[in-house]
C-alpha atoms as a PDB file:
ATOM      1  CA  UNK A   1      11.322 -11.598   6.441  1.00  0.00           C
ATOM      2  CA  UNK A   2       9.489 -11.075   3.183  1.00  0.00           C
ATOM      3  CA  UNK A   3      11.656 -10.011   0.246  1.00  0.00           C
ATOM      4  CA  UNK A   4      10.414  -6.818  -1.407  1.00  0.00           C
ATOM      5  CA  UNK A   5      11.476  -5.242  -4.695  1.00  0.00           C
ATOM      6  CA  UNK A   6      12.676  -1.632  -4.746  1.00  0.00           C
ATOM      7  CA  UNK A   7       9.298  -0.438  -6.078  1.00  0.00           C
ATOM      8  CA  UNK A   8       7.453  -2.425  -3.393  1.00  0.00           C
ATOM      9  CA  UNK A   9       9.648  -0.834  -0.718  1.00  0.00           C
ATOM     10  CA  UNK A  10       8.915   2.590  -2.224  1.00  0.00           C
ATOM     11  CA  UNK A  11       5.148   1.944  -2.037  1.00  0.00           C
ATOM     12  CA  UNK A  12       5.335   0.666   1.568  1.00  0.00           C
ATOM     13  CA  UNK A  13       7.336   3.752   2.585  1.00  0.00           C
ATOM     14  CA  UNK A  14       4.788   5.989   0.830  1.00  0.00           C
ATOM     15  CA  UNK A  15       1.980   4.260   2.728  1.00  0.00           C
ATOM     16  CA  UNK A  16       3.821   4.731   6.022  1.00  0.00           C
ATOM     17  CA  UNK A  17       4.323   8.442   5.278  1.00  0.00           C
ATOM     18  CA  UNK A  18       0.574   8.693   4.579  1.00  0.00           C
ATOM     19  CA  UNK A  19      -0.040   6.986   7.942  1.00  0.00           C
ATOM     20  CA  UNK A  20      -1.848   4.130   6.193  1.00  0.00           C
ATOM     21  CA  UNK A  21      -0.950   1.757   9.015  1.00  0.00           C
ATOM     22  CA  UNK A  22      -4.396   1.073  10.477  1.00  0.00           C
ATOM     23  CA  UNK A  23      -7.804   0.336   9.011  1.00  0.00           C
ATOM     24  CA  UNK A  24      -8.900   3.849   9.994  1.00  0.00           C
ATOM     25  CA  UNK A  25      -5.919   5.337   8.127  1.00  0.00           C
ATOM     26  CA  UNK A  26      -6.413   3.354   4.913  1.00  0.00           C
ATOM     27  CA  UNK A  27      -5.659   5.093   1.611  1.00  0.00           C
ATOM     28  CA  UNK A  28      -6.689   4.421  -1.976  1.00  0.00           C
ATOM     29  CA  UNK A  29      -4.349   3.686  -4.874  1.00  0.00           C
ATOM     30  CA  UNK A  30      -4.583   7.280  -6.187  1.00  0.00           C
ATOM     31  CA  UNK A  31      -3.182   8.690  -2.935  1.00  0.00           C
ATOM     32  CA  UNK A  32      -0.503   5.991  -2.705  1.00  0.00           C
ATOM     33  CA  UNK A  33       0.602   6.468  -6.341  1.00  0.00           C
ATOM     34  CA  UNK A  34       0.854  10.244  -5.922  1.00  0.00           C
ATOM     35  CA  UNK A  35       2.971   9.956  -2.758  1.00  0.00           C
ATOM     36  CA  UNK A  36       5.203   7.232  -4.247  1.00  0.00           C
ATOM     37  CA  UNK A  37       5.519   9.267  -7.468  1.00  0.00           C
ATOM     38  CA  UNK A  38       4.531   6.275  -9.601  1.00  0.00           C
ATOM     39  CA  UNK A  39       1.951   5.946 -12.377  1.00  0.00           C
ATOM     40  CA  UNK A  40      -1.415   4.828 -10.994  1.00  0.00           C
ATOM     41  CA  UNK A  41      -1.452   1.563 -13.005  1.00  0.00           C
ATOM     42  CA  UNK A  42       2.003   0.579 -11.817  1.00  0.00           C
ATOM     43  CA  UNK A  43       1.173   1.487  -8.216  1.00  0.00           C
ATOM     44  CA  UNK A  44      -2.044  -0.567  -8.416  1.00  0.00           C
ATOM     45  CA  UNK A  45      -0.080  -3.620  -9.593  1.00  0.00           C
ATOM     46  CA  UNK A  46       2.507  -3.194  -6.843  1.00  0.00           C
ATOM     47  CA  UNK A  47      -0.179  -2.783  -4.172  1.00  0.00           C
ATOM     48  CA  UNK A  48      -1.868  -5.980  -5.425  1.00  0.00           C
ATOM     49  CA  UNK A  49       1.475  -7.828  -5.183  1.00  0.00           C
ATOM     50  CA  UNK A  50       1.844  -6.532  -1.610  1.00  0.00           C
ATOM     51  CA  UNK A  51      -1.673  -7.771  -0.793  1.00  0.00           C
ATOM     52  CA  UNK A  52      -0.731 -11.199  -2.178  1.00  0.00           C
ATOM     53  CA  UNK A  53       2.433 -11.192  -0.032  1.00  0.00           C
ATOM     54  CA  UNK A  54       0.293 -10.243   3.011  1.00  0.00           C
ATOM     55  CA  UNK A  55       2.253  -7.024   3.557  1.00  0.00           C
ATOM     56  CA  UNK A  56      -0.783  -4.830   2.847  1.00  0.00           C
ATOM     57  CA  UNK A  57      -4.454  -5.432   3.627  1.00  0.00           C
ATOM     58  CA  UNK A  58      -7.282  -4.454   1.250  1.00  0.00           C
ATOM     59  CA  UNK A  59     -10.592  -3.121   2.577  1.00  0.00           C
ATOM     60  CA  UNK A  60     -13.523  -2.884   0.134  1.00  0.00           C
ATOM     61  CA  UNK A  61     -15.402   0.413   0.142  1.00  0.00           C
ATOM     62  CA  UNK A  62     -18.209   1.892  -1.976  1.00  0.00           C
ATOM     63  CA  UNK A  63     -16.065   3.491  -4.670  1.00  0.00           C
ATOM     64  CA  UNK A  64     -12.356   2.710  -4.325  1.00  0.00           C
ATOM     65  CA  UNK A  65     -10.786   0.061  -2.105  1.00  0.00           C
ATOM     66  CA  UNK A  66      -8.633   1.203   0.802  1.00  0.00           C
ATOM     67  CA  UNK A  67      -5.241  -0.249   1.703  1.00  0.00           C
ATOM     68  CA  UNK A  68      -3.039  -0.176   4.781  1.00  0.00           C
ATOM     69  CA  UNK A  69       0.242  -1.766   5.883  1.00  0.00           C
ATOM     70  CA  UNK A  70      -0.224  -4.777   8.157  1.00  0.00           C
ATOM     71  CA  UNK A  71       1.141  -4.109  11.666  1.00  0.00           C
ATOM     72  CA  UNK A  72       3.921  -6.738  11.757  1.00  0.00           C
ATOM     73  CA  UNK A  73       5.457  -5.170   8.636  1.00  0.00           C
ATOM     74  CA  UNK A  74       6.057  -1.882  10.464  1.00  0.00           C
ATOM     75  CA  UNK A  75       9.182  -3.073  12.305  1.00  0.00           C
END
C-alpha cells in the first residue's frame, strides 16, 4: 500500500466525494482545492505528488488538466 500524508489523504477523499474516480468524472485543481478546503497552490502540489505516486491520473485538456483517482486506489 502506498503511504500518503494527511493532506494527500484529504485530497483523495475530496476527489472521491466529487466522484472523480473515472476519466469521465475528472475534475480540475480548482474544484479539488475548493472541496478539500486547501489553497489552490497547495492542492496543485499535492495532486502532482499523487500523480507521481500513481494514485491519481492526469488528463490534458484545452484549458485546465483533469484528474481522477486510479481505480485500484479506491479500495
